[in-house]
């Protein structure tokens, strides 16, 4: 396949761009990108009947059990046997001695993706007693909670990978991601992405650990469809109905992701609820931009600036609606992030066309008020202009796509030997394709070109209209409550 033949030249070009970015400074520490750091694999001389891949390879044996989680209500887990093949010097085969053998509790995961033919998995590593076991997987720092994301609606296979890594370059951290190929019970499942799940840790979300029995704590929150009553929050924005100014009801809910459910007490829930409410009241008050009482003393403003730019640039339909995280260290301010789930980004949302124009987050939670502050708007404009000179530049993005596709190589062909029918929406059930059907690419090359065309169009539009954000902070009827 031609992607393998251009791998080295595309990688060298992308590395040169990365070096230039690091020299000019993106405001973050260096981040590891799998397609740039993976060593070239050796050619194999075995017969074509032996499965062979230059990507890491994972094989899961469910011990004859059906995988639970077909519905969102089913949160059962089953224990499975896992073999991981991840050689640094040669291609990987199922006949090799595994690099790592372990046990993992799994179930299906996702929201709309739970109903795709190619399913994603929650993956928790455990010891022989079923207790959480922190291990390093595919070169990532130790952890026990992962997501095995199976790109299906995203025909490029790379949206999550690209957007996660670029977000990490901008914000300093995003869940790490690694491509691999997956077998389940001896059947090939295609190209997958292993993703760190959002969790506390020195190498993940940098907040202090909860001391059991302490009435105060650092925390991680998730804004989504809601989870369970035990970790649900009812902050100021919930009962005041100010989260979504254009609606009469709140469609989405806050849940506590950390501390974990088994350590939550009514006192801790109340503390987090009151702490978040205090922040919300400052944002939604007449004094929202006051030097003493305003939001700037309570938020990590840089994180809110970067989060806005990234999600607007990639036109992520889920931002501030689903899969939106916040975290706060006990001794610090509230940050938004880390980012999560880019499958619907870059005009890949099933029911809504994103043509690269317009702003979508200006009326959503917190940003409805933040954008009334001229200083916040000017920070967005300046930061956007800076990022367009490096990790959000057209040159960087096009090179990033080309070098990632080249790295995947013939794994793309193997993936679509199984899932190739998904390019034809007439062979899919409703909810597994973009609407109208004419939006769906007919092959992989077309899918990649669509992604490139979107990013070029989006960058050009924002270059021309980013200053239009000033209208939200202008002295006008939009600021009738400004002091």
Protein backbone atom coordinates (compact mmCIF):
# COMPACT_ATOMS: atom_id res chain seq x y z
CA UNK A 1 0.00 0.00 0.00
CA UNK A 2 1.33 3.43 -0.90
CA UNK A 3 0.97 4.75 2.68
CA UNK A 4 3.87 2.56 3.84
CA UNK A 5 6.09 3.83 1.01
CA UNK A 6 5.70 7.47 2.06
CA UNK A 7 5.97 6.78 5.80
CA UNK A 8 9.57 7.84 6.24
CA UNK A 9 9.41 11.01 4.14
CA UNK A 10 6.15 12.14 5.76
CA UNK A 11 7.51 11.41 9.22
CA UNK A 12 10.69 13.39 8.59
CA UNK A 13 8.66 16.34 7.31
CA UNK A 14 6.32 16.26 10.29
CA UNK A 15 9.25 15.97 12.68
CA UNK A 16 10.78 19.10 11.18
CA UNK A 17 7.53 20.95 11.73
CA UNK A 18 7.38 19.70 15.33
CA UNK A 19 10.94 20.89 15.93
CA UNK A 20 10.02 24.34 14.62
CA UNK A 21 7.00 24.41 16.93
CA UNK A 22 9.08 23.49 19.94
CA UNK A 23 11.69 26.11 19.09
CA UNK A 24 9.12 28.86 18.71
CA UNK A 25 7.26 27.60 21.77
CA UNK A 26 3.65 26.44 22.04
CA UNK A 27 3.44 27.20 25.72
CA UNK A 28 3.55 23.51 26.72
CA UNK A 29 6.02 20.78 27.50
CA UNK A 30 7.02 18.35 24.78
CA UNK A 31 4.37 15.69 24.11
CA UNK A 32 4.90 12.19 22.71
CA UNK A 33 3.12 11.40 19.44
CA UNK A 34 3.09 7.69 18.63
CA UNK A 35 3.43 8.10 14.88
CA UNK A 36 6.52 10.26 15.32
CA UNK A 37 8.33 8.26 18.00
CA UNK A 38 7.57 4.66 16.96
CA UNK A 39 10.62 2.89 15.58
CA UNK A 40 10.41 1.54 12.02
CA UNK A 41 9.46 -2.13 11.99
CA UNK A 42 11.37 -4.86 10.21
CA UNK A 43 10.01 -6.59 7.14
CA UNK A 44 8.85 -10.15 7.72
CA UNK A 45 9.53 -13.19 5.50
CA UNK A 46 6.75 -15.49 6.77
CA UNK A 47 3.76 -16.57 4.72
CA UNK A 48 0.80 -14.25 4.23
CA UNK A 49 -1.34 -16.53 6.40
CA UNK A 50 0.37 -15.27 9.55
CA UNK A 51 -1.20 -12.06 10.90
CA UNK A 52 1.51 -9.42 10.93
CA UNK A 53 1.34 -5.78 11.98
CA UNK A 54 3.75 -2.94 12.65
CA UNK A 55 1.25 -1.57 15.19
CA UNK A 56 0.91 -2.89 18.75
CA UNK A 57 -1.42 -5.90 18.88
CA UNK A 58 -3.88 -6.83 21.64
CA UNK A 59 -5.77 -10.11 21.95
CA UNK A 60 -8.67 -10.47 24.42
CA UNK A 61 -10.16 -13.81 25.48
CA UNK A 62 -13.55 -13.38 27.19
CA UNK A 63 -13.46 -16.95 28.59
CA UNK A 64 -16.63 -17.78 26.72
CA UNK A 65 -18.59 -14.93 28.27
CA UNK A 66 -20.68 -12.43 26.36
CA UNK A 67 -19.45 -8.86 26.74
CA UNK A 68 -21.97 -6.81 28.76
CA UNK A 69 -22.88 -3.17 28.21
CA UNK A 70 -25.05 -3.43 25.11
CA UNK A 71 -27.32 -0.92 26.85
CA UNK A 72 -26.14 2.04 28.91
CA UNK A 73 -27.97 0.72 31.96
CA UNK A 74 -25.89 -2.46 31.95
CA UNK A 75 -22.72 -1.58 33.84
CA UNK A 76 -21.60 -5.14 34.59
CA UNK A 77 -18.00 -6.10 33.92
CA UNK A 78 -16.51 -9.45 32.99
CA UNK A 79 -12.96 -10.62 33.67
CA UNK A 80 -10.94 -11.47 30.57
CA UNK A 81 -7.47 -12.72 29.68
CA UNK A 82 -5.37 -10.28 27.69
CA UNK A 83 -2.19 -10.67 25.67
CA UNK A 84 -0.32 -7.60 24.45
CA UNK A 85 2.29 -7.77 21.69
CA UNK A 86 4.35 -4.59 21.44
CA UNK A 87 7.86 -5.28 20.17
CA UNK A 88 10.17 -2.32 19.66
CA UNK A 89 12.34 -4.07 17.08
CA UNK A 90 10.05 -6.16 14.87
CA UNK A 91 6.50 -6.57 13.67
CA UNK A 92 3.93 -8.13 15.99
CA UNK A 93 2.22 -11.52 15.48
CA UNK A 94 -0.27 -13.57 17.51
CA UNK A 95 2.29 -16.38 17.46
CA UNK A 96 4.91 -14.26 19.27
CA UNK A 97 5.61 -14.45 22.96
CA UNK A 98 3.43 -11.71 24.47
CA UNK A 99 5.16 -8.60 25.74
CA UNK A 100 2.61 -8.54 28.56
CA UNK A 101 -0.04 -10.97 29.83
CA UNK A 102 -2.69 -9.73 32.24
CA UNK A 103 -6.33 -9.72 33.27
CA UNK A 104 -8.81 -6.96 32.53
CA UNK A 105 -12.43 -6.27 33.39
CA UNK A 106 -14.30 -5.08 30.32
CA UNK A 107 -17.69 -4.07 28.97
CA UNK A 108 -18.93 -2.10 26.01
CA UNK A 109 -18.85 1.69 26.43
CA UNK A 110 -19.99 4.87 24.71
CA UNK A 111 -23.25 6.69 24.05
CA UNK A 112 -24.31 6.71 20.39
CA UNK A 113 -21.19 4.69 19.55
CA UNK A 114 -22.58 1.85 21.67
CA UNK A 115 -24.95 1.13 18.79
CA UNK A 116 -22.30 1.02 16.06
CA UNK A 117 -21.29 -2.30 14.54
CA UNK A 118 -17.69 -1.71 15.61
CA UNK A 119 -17.88 -1.43 19.39
CA UNK A 120 -15.68 0.31 21.94
CA UNK A 121 -14.68 -1.10 25.33
CA UNK A 122 -14.12 0.02 28.88
CA UNK A 123 -10.87 -1.70 29.93
CA UNK A 124 -9.72 -1.95 33.56
CA UNK A 125 -6.60 -3.88 34.43
CA UNK A 126 -6.87 -6.05 37.56
CA UNK A 127 -4.78 -8.54 39.53
CA UNK A 128 -5.64 -12.17 40.26
CA UNK A 129 -7.91 -11.02 43.11
CA UNK A 130 -9.85 -8.65 40.91
CA UNK A 131 -8.29 -5.56 42.50
CA UNK A 132 -7.24 -2.58 40.39
CA UNK A 133 -3.73 -3.04 38.99
CA UNK A 134 -1.72 -0.09 37.66
CA UNK A 135 0.33 -1.09 34.62
CA UNK A 136 2.04 0.68 31.74
CA UNK A 137 0.33 -0.12 28.44
CA UNK A 138 1.71 0.66 24.96
CA UNK A 139 4.36 2.95 26.40
CA UNK A 140 1.96 5.11 28.42
CA UNK A 141 2.40 5.85 32.15
CA UNK A 142 0.94 3.38 34.61
CA UNK A 143 -2.79 3.33 35.16
CA UNK A 144 -5.67 0.88 35.47
CA UNK A 145 -8.53 2.58 33.60
CA UNK A 146 -8.55 2.81 29.80
CA UNK A 147 -10.91 3.08 26.85
CA UNK A 148 -10.49 0.98 23.72
CA UNK A 149 -12.00 3.28 21.11
CA UNK A 150 -13.10 1.68 17.83
CA UNK A 151 -13.44 4.41 15.16
CA UNK A 152 -16.48 3.61 13.01
CA UNK A 153 -18.36 6.80 12.14
CA UNK A 154 -14.97 8.50 11.80
CA UNK A 155 -13.81 6.91 8.55
CA UNK A 156 -10.39 8.58 8.79
CA UNK A 157 -9.68 6.61 12.01
CA UNK A 158 -7.59 9.55 13.26
CA UNK A 159 -9.84 12.31 14.67
CA UNK A 160 -9.45 11.32 18.32
CA UNK A 161 -5.75 10.67 17.90
CA UNK A 162 -5.01 13.96 16.18
CA UNK A 163 -7.22 16.19 18.30
CA UNK A 164 -6.13 14.64 21.60
CA UNK A 165 -2.46 15.08 20.83
CA UNK A 166 -2.80 18.60 19.50
CA UNK A 167 -4.91 19.51 22.54
CA UNK A 168 -2.11 18.21 24.76
CA UNK A 169 0.37 20.45 22.93
CA UNK A 170 -1.91 23.43 23.60
CA UNK A 171 -3.19 22.72 27.13
CA UNK A 172 -0.26 20.77 28.56
CA UNK A 173 -2.18 17.51 29.01
CA UNK A 174 -4.85 15.43 27.31
CA UNK A 175 -5.53 11.72 27.76
CA UNK A 176 -2.74 9.86 25.98
CA UNK A 177 -3.66 7.77 22.94
CA UNK A 178 -2.04 4.87 21.08
CA UNK A 179 -3.12 3.04 17.92
CA UNK A 180 -3.23 -0.76 18.00
CA UNK A 181 -4.99 -3.66 16.26
CA UNK A 182 -7.44 -5.78 18.20
CA UNK A 183 -8.49 -9.42 18.30
CA UNK A 184 -11.39 -10.60 20.48
CA UNK A 185 -11.88 -14.35 20.91
CA UNK A 186 -9.67 -14.99 17.89
CA UNK A 187 -11.58 -12.67 15.54
CA UNK A 188 -9.96 -9.58 14.05
CA UNK A 189 -11.72 -6.34 15.05
CA UNK A 190 -9.65 -3.73 13.21
CA UNK A 191 -7.71 -0.58 14.12
CA UNK A 192 -8.42 0.74 17.62
CA UNK A 193 -7.17 3.55 19.82
CA UNK A 194 -6.22 2.93 23.44
CA UNK A 195 -7.04 6.05 25.45
CA UNK A 196 -6.25 6.99 29.02
CA UNK A 197 -9.52 7.68 30.80
CA UNK A 198 -9.86 10.94 32.70
CA UNK A 199 -8.54 10.25 36.20
CA UNK A 200 -6.39 11.73 38.95
CA UNK A 201 -2.67 11.11 38.95
CA UNK A 202 0.77 12.65 38.66
CA UNK A 203 0.81 11.79 34.94
CA UNK A 204 -2.89 12.55 34.40
CA UNK A 205 -5.11 15.16 36.07
CA UNK A 206 -2.74 16.93 38.50
CA UNK A 207 -4.81 17.24 41.68
CA UNK A 208 -4.05 16.07 45.21
CA UNK A 209 -5.33 12.74 46.47
CA UNK A 210 -8.43 12.60 48.64
CA UNK A 211 -7.80 11.82 52.29
CA UNK A 212 -10.62 9.56 53.43
CA UNK A 213 -12.65 11.21 56.16
CA UNK A 214 -11.49 14.73 55.24
CA UNK A 215 -14.51 17.03 54.65
CA UNK A 216 -12.60 18.93 51.92
CA UNK A 217 -11.13 17.53 48.72
CA UNK A 218 -9.82 18.16 45.25
CA UNK A 219 -12.24 16.97 42.60
CA UNK A 220 -12.97 16.10 38.96
CA UNK A 221 -16.43 16.75 37.50
CA UNK A 222 -18.10 15.61 34.28
CA UNK A 223 -20.88 17.43 32.45
CA UNK A 224 -22.84 14.83 30.50
CA UNK A 225 -26.12 12.95 30.35
CA UNK A 226 -26.00 12.05 34.02
CA UNK A 227 -24.76 8.99 35.85
CA UNK A 228 -26.04 7.82 39.23
CA UNK A 229 -27.68 9.67 42.14
CA UNK A 230 -24.74 8.90 44.43
CA UNK A 231 -22.37 11.17 42.47
CA UNK A 232 -24.85 13.72 41.08
CA UNK A 233 -24.54 17.44 41.83
CA UNK A 234 -27.17 20.15 42.18
CA UNK A 235 -25.11 23.36 41.93
CA UNK A 236 -26.32 26.92 41.45
CA UNK A 237 -26.59 26.60 37.66
CA UNK A 238 -28.86 23.58 38.02
CA UNK A 239 -31.58 25.13 40.14
CA UNK A 240 -31.17 28.65 38.74
CA UNK A 241 -31.48 27.36 35.16
CA UNK A 242 -28.73 29.69 33.97
CA UNK A 243 -26.53 27.02 32.42
CA UNK A 244 -28.34 27.16 29.09
CA UNK A 245 -29.80 30.65 28.64
CA UNK A 246 -31.82 29.75 25.54
CA UNK A 247 -33.67 26.83 27.13
CA UNK A 248 -36.16 26.49 29.95
CA UNK A 249 -34.72 23.28 31.35
CA UNK A 250 -31.28 21.84 31.94
CA UNK A 251 -30.70 18.90 29.66
CA UNK A 252 -27.34 17.86 31.06
CA UNK A 253 -26.01 17.00 34.49
CA UNK A 254 -22.89 17.31 36.61
CA UNK A 255 -21.41 14.20 38.15
CA UNK A 256 -18.42 13.72 40.45
CA UNK A 257 -15.70 11.65 38.77
CA UNK A 258 -13.22 12.03 41.62
CA UNK A 259 -13.26 11.17 44.49
CA UNK A 260 -14.61 7.79 43.36
CA UNK A 261 -18.16 6.78 44.19
CA UNK A 262 -17.18 4.32 46.92
CA UNK A 263 -15.48 7.14 48.88
CA UNK A 264 -18.17 9.77 48.49
CA UNK A 265 -20.06 10.92 51.56
CA UNK A 266 -22.94 13.42 51.83
CA UNK A 267 -20.49 15.88 53.36
CA UNK A 268 -18.08 15.63 50.42
CA UNK A 269 -20.88 15.96 47.86
CA UNK A 270 -22.18 19.02 49.68
CA UNK A 271 -18.70 20.58 49.83
CA UNK A 272 -18.14 20.13 46.06
CA UNK A 273 -21.65 21.37 45.32
CA UNK A 274 -21.14 24.53 47.38
CA UNK A 275 -17.65 25.12 46.00
CA UNK A 276 -18.85 24.91 42.39
CA UNK A 277 -21.88 27.05 43.20
CA UNK A 278 -19.64 29.77 44.62
CA UNK A 279 -17.71 29.83 41.34
CA UNK A 280 -20.90 29.88 39.26
CA UNK A 281 -22.39 32.72 41.30
CA UNK A 282 -19.28 34.81 40.71
CA UNK A 283 -19.50 34.20 36.96
CA UNK A 284 -23.23 34.92 36.73
CA UNK A 285 -23.19 37.93 39.05
CA UNK A 286 -23.09 41.65 38.28
CA UNK A 287 -19.47 41.54 39.46
CA UNK A 288 -18.36 38.79 37.07
CA UNK A 289 -15.38 40.84 35.84
CA UNK A 290 -14.54 42.57 39.11
CA UNK A 291 -10.90 42.33 40.19
CA UNK A 292 -11.84 41.22 43.70
CA UNK A 293 -15.15 39.35 43.40
CA UNK A 294 -15.03 38.23 39.77
CA UNK A 295 -14.31 34.94 38.01
CA UNK A 296 -10.62 35.62 37.38
CA UNK A 297 -9.82 34.75 40.99
CA UNK A 298 -11.69 31.44 40.79
CA UNK A 299 -10.91 30.05 37.34
CA UNK A 300 -7.77 28.92 35.57
CA UNK A 301 -8.54 31.41 32.82
CA UNK A 302 -5.87 30.07 30.45
CA UNK A 303 -7.55 26.66 30.41
CA UNK A 304 -10.90 28.22 29.50
CA UNK A 305 -9.27 30.23 26.71
CA UNK A 306 -7.53 27.17 25.23
CA UNK A 307 -10.57 24.94 25.61
CA UNK A 308 -12.70 27.46 23.73
CA UNK A 309 -10.21 27.78 20.89
CA UNK A 310 -9.69 24.05 20.43
CA UNK A 311 -13.36 23.13 20.47
CA UNK A 312 -14.30 26.01 18.20
CA UNK A 313 -11.46 25.29 15.78
CA UNK A 314 -12.40 21.63 15.43
CA UNK A 315 -16.13 22.45 15.77
CA UNK A 316 -16.67 19.77 18.40
CA UNK A 317 -20.40 19.20 18.82
CA UNK A 318 -20.02 17.72 22.30
CA UNK A 319 -18.13 20.57 23.98
CA UNK A 320 -19.96 21.98 27.03
CA UNK A 321 -22.75 19.47 26.44
CA UNK A 322 -21.34 15.96 26.71
CA UNK A 323 -18.01 14.53 27.84
CA UNK A 324 -16.96 17.86 29.32
CA UNK A 325 -14.65 17.71 32.32
CA UNK A 326 -13.61 20.18 34.99
CA UNK A 327 -11.11 19.75 37.81
CA UNK A 328 -10.02 21.72 40.84
CA UNK A 329 -7.19 21.14 43.24
CA UNK A 330 -8.02 21.94 46.83
CA UNK A 331 -5.48 24.75 46.82
CA UNK A 332 -6.09 26.08 43.32
CA UNK A 333 -8.71 27.35 40.87
CA UNK A 334 -11.21 25.55 38.62
CA UNK A 335 -9.85 24.33 35.27
CA UNK A 336 -11.86 23.11 32.32
CA UNK A 337 -10.61 19.87 30.80
CA UNK A 338 -9.01 17.63 30.03
CA UNK A 339 -10.59 17.34 26.60
CA UNK A 340 -12.36 14.14 25.67
CA UNK A 341 -14.04 12.55 22.63
CA UNK A 342 -13.47 14.13 19.23
CA UNK A 343 -15.31 11.56 17.09
CA UNK A 344 -18.01 14.10 16.24
CA UNK A 345 -15.57 16.92 15.48
CA UNK A 346 -14.57 18.35 12.10
CA UNK A 347 -17.98 17.97 10.46
CA UNK A 348 -18.47 14.38 11.59
CA UNK A 349 -21.66 14.93 13.57
CA UNK A 350 -24.47 12.67 12.39
CA UNK A 351 -27.38 15.10 12.40
CA UNK A 352 -25.78 18.52 11.98
CA UNK A 353 -23.62 19.91 9.20
CA UNK A 354 -20.60 21.96 10.26
CA UNK A 355 -19.27 23.78 7.22
CA UNK A 356 -16.38 25.49 8.98
CA UNK A 357 -18.22 28.76 9.62
CA UNK A 358 -19.73 30.35 12.73
CA UNK A 359 -19.24 30.06 16.48
CA UNK A 360 -21.14 27.49 18.53
CA UNK A 361 -19.97 27.89 22.15
CA UNK A 362 -20.80 31.55 22.73
CA UNK A 363 -24.10 30.78 24.49
CA UNK A 364 -23.09 27.72 26.47
CA UNK A 365 -22.29 27.13 30.13
CA UNK A 366 -19.94 29.74 31.63
CA UNK A 367 -18.87 31.08 28.22
CA UNK A 368 -22.18 32.93 28.01
CA UNK A 369 -20.76 35.24 30.71
CA UNK A 370 -17.01 34.92 30.15
CA UNK A 371 -17.31 36.34 26.64
CA UNK A 372 -18.90 39.49 28.07
CA UNK A 373 -15.51 40.38 29.50
CA UNK A 374 -13.43 42.29 26.96
CA UNK A 375 -10.21 41.01 28.56
CA UNK A 376 -11.28 37.38 28.14
CA UNK A 377 -12.19 37.96 24.49
CA UNK A 378 -8.84 39.64 23.80
CA UNK A 379 -7.01 36.69 25.38
CA UNK A 380 -8.84 34.33 23.02
CA UNK A 381 -7.97 36.41 19.97
CA UNK A 382 -4.29 36.74 20.90
CA UNK A 383 -3.93 33.07 21.81
CA UNK A 384 -5.66 31.97 18.61
CA UNK A 385 -3.33 34.11 16.49
CA UNK A 386 -0.34 32.57 18.26
CA UNK A 387 -1.53 28.97 17.83
CA UNK A 388 -2.22 29.55 14.14
CA UNK A 389 1.51 30.07 13.76
CA UNK A 390 2.31 26.57 15.06
CA UNK A 391 0.11 23.62 16.08
CA UNK A 392 -3.06 25.02 14.47
CA UNK A 393 -1.35 26.20 11.30
CA UNK A 394 -2.48 24.72 8.02
CA UNK A 395 1.01 23.38 7.30
CA UNK A 396 1.27 21.64 10.66
CA UNK A 397 -2.21 20.08 10.42
CA UNK A 398 -1.78 18.81 6.85
CA UNK A 399 1.62 17.31 7.70
CA UNK A 400 0.19 15.78 10.85
CA UNK A 401 -2.57 14.04 8.91
CA UNK A 402 -0.25 12.78 6.19
CA UNK A 403 2.35 11.40 8.60
CA UNK A 404 -0.31 9.73 10.77
CA UNK A 405 -1.93 8.05 7.76
CA UNK A 406 1.50 6.96 6.56
CA UNK A 407 2.25 5.46 9.97
CA UNK A 408 -1.02 3.48 9.98
CA UNK A 409 -0.02 2.10 6.59
CA UNK A 410 -1.56 -1.21 5.58
CA UNK A 411 -3.42 -1.43 8.91
CA UNK A 412 -5.99 0.82 7.21
CA UNK A 413 -6.50 -1.84 4.53
CA UNK A 414 -6.88 -4.57 7.13
CA UNK A 415 -9.41 -2.50 9.07
CA UNK A 416 -11.57 -1.94 6.01
CA UNK A 417 -11.38 -5.55 4.93
CA UNK A 418 -13.76 -6.01 7.89
CA UNK A 419 -15.52 -2.64 8.02
CA UNK A 420 -15.36 -1.54 4.38
CA UNK A 421 -19.13 -1.88 3.98
CA UNK A 422 -19.52 1.08 6.34
CA UNK A 423 -18.63 3.43 3.47
CA UNK A 424 -22.04 2.59 2.00
CA UNK A 425 -24.79 4.11 4.21
CA UNK A 426 -27.39 1.93 2.51
CA UNK A 427 -25.80 -1.05 4.26
CA UNK A 428 -26.06 0.59 7.68
CA UNK A 429 -28.93 1.13 10.08
CA UNK A 430 -30.07 4.64 10.92
CA UNK A 431 -27.73 6.35 13.39
CA UNK A 432 -24.57 4.76 11.96
CA UNK A 433 -23.97 7.27 9.17
CA UNK A 434 -23.94 11.00 8.49
CA UNK A 435 -27.10 12.69 7.31
CA UNK A 436 -27.85 13.43 4.54
CA UNK A 437 -26.26 10.33 3.06
CA UNK A 438 -24.40 12.39 0.48
CA UNK A 439 -22.05 13.58 3.25
CA UNK A 440 -20.58 10.11 3.74
CA UNK A 441 -17.21 9.47 2.05
CA UNK A 442 -17.13 6.54 -0.37
CA UNK A 443 -13.55 5.47 0.47
CA UNK A 444 -10.68 6.16 2.84
CA UNK A 445 -8.88 8.63 0.59
CA UNK A 446 -12.06 10.69 0.29
CA UNK A 447 -12.52 10.64 4.07
CA UNK A 448 -9.01 12.02 4.59
CA UNK A 449 -9.56 14.71 1.97
CA UNK A 450 -12.82 15.74 3.60
CA UNK A 451 -11.00 16.19 6.91
CA UNK A 452 -8.29 18.27 5.27
CA UNK A 453 -10.82 20.43 3.42
CA UNK A 454 -12.70 21.10 6.65
CA UNK A 455 -9.59 22.14 8.58
CA UNK A 456 -8.46 24.47 5.80
CA UNK A 457 -11.90 26.06 5.54
CA UNK A 458 -12.28 26.38 9.30
CA UNK A 459 -8.88 28.00 9.75
CA UNK A 460 -9.51 30.45 6.95
CA UNK A 461 -12.91 31.43 8.39
CA UNK A 462 -11.58 31.94 11.91
CA UNK A 463 -8.62 33.93 10.60
CA UNK A 464 -11.10 36.34 9.06
CA UNK A 465 -13.75 36.46 11.78
CA UNK A 466 -12.11 35.70 15.15
CA UNK A 467 -12.31 39.41 16.05
CA UNK A 468 -16.09 39.20 15.75
CA UNK A 469 -16.05 37.74 19.26
CA UNK A 470 -15.61 41.31 20.45
CA UNK A 471 -19.31 41.89 19.86
CA UNK A 472 -20.13 39.78 22.94
CA UNK A 473 -18.07 42.04 25.20
CA UNK A 474 -19.02 45.30 23.55
CA UNK A 475 -20.91 47.92 25.50
CA UNK A 476 -24.40 47.20 24.16
CA UNK A 477 -27.63 45.55 25.15
CA UNK A 478 -25.68 42.29 25.48
CA UNK A 479 -24.13 43.80 28.61
CA UNK A 480 -27.19 45.39 30.14
CA UNK A 481 -26.29 43.95 33.56
CA UNK A 482 -22.64 45.01 33.47
CA UNK A 483 -21.67 47.30 36.33
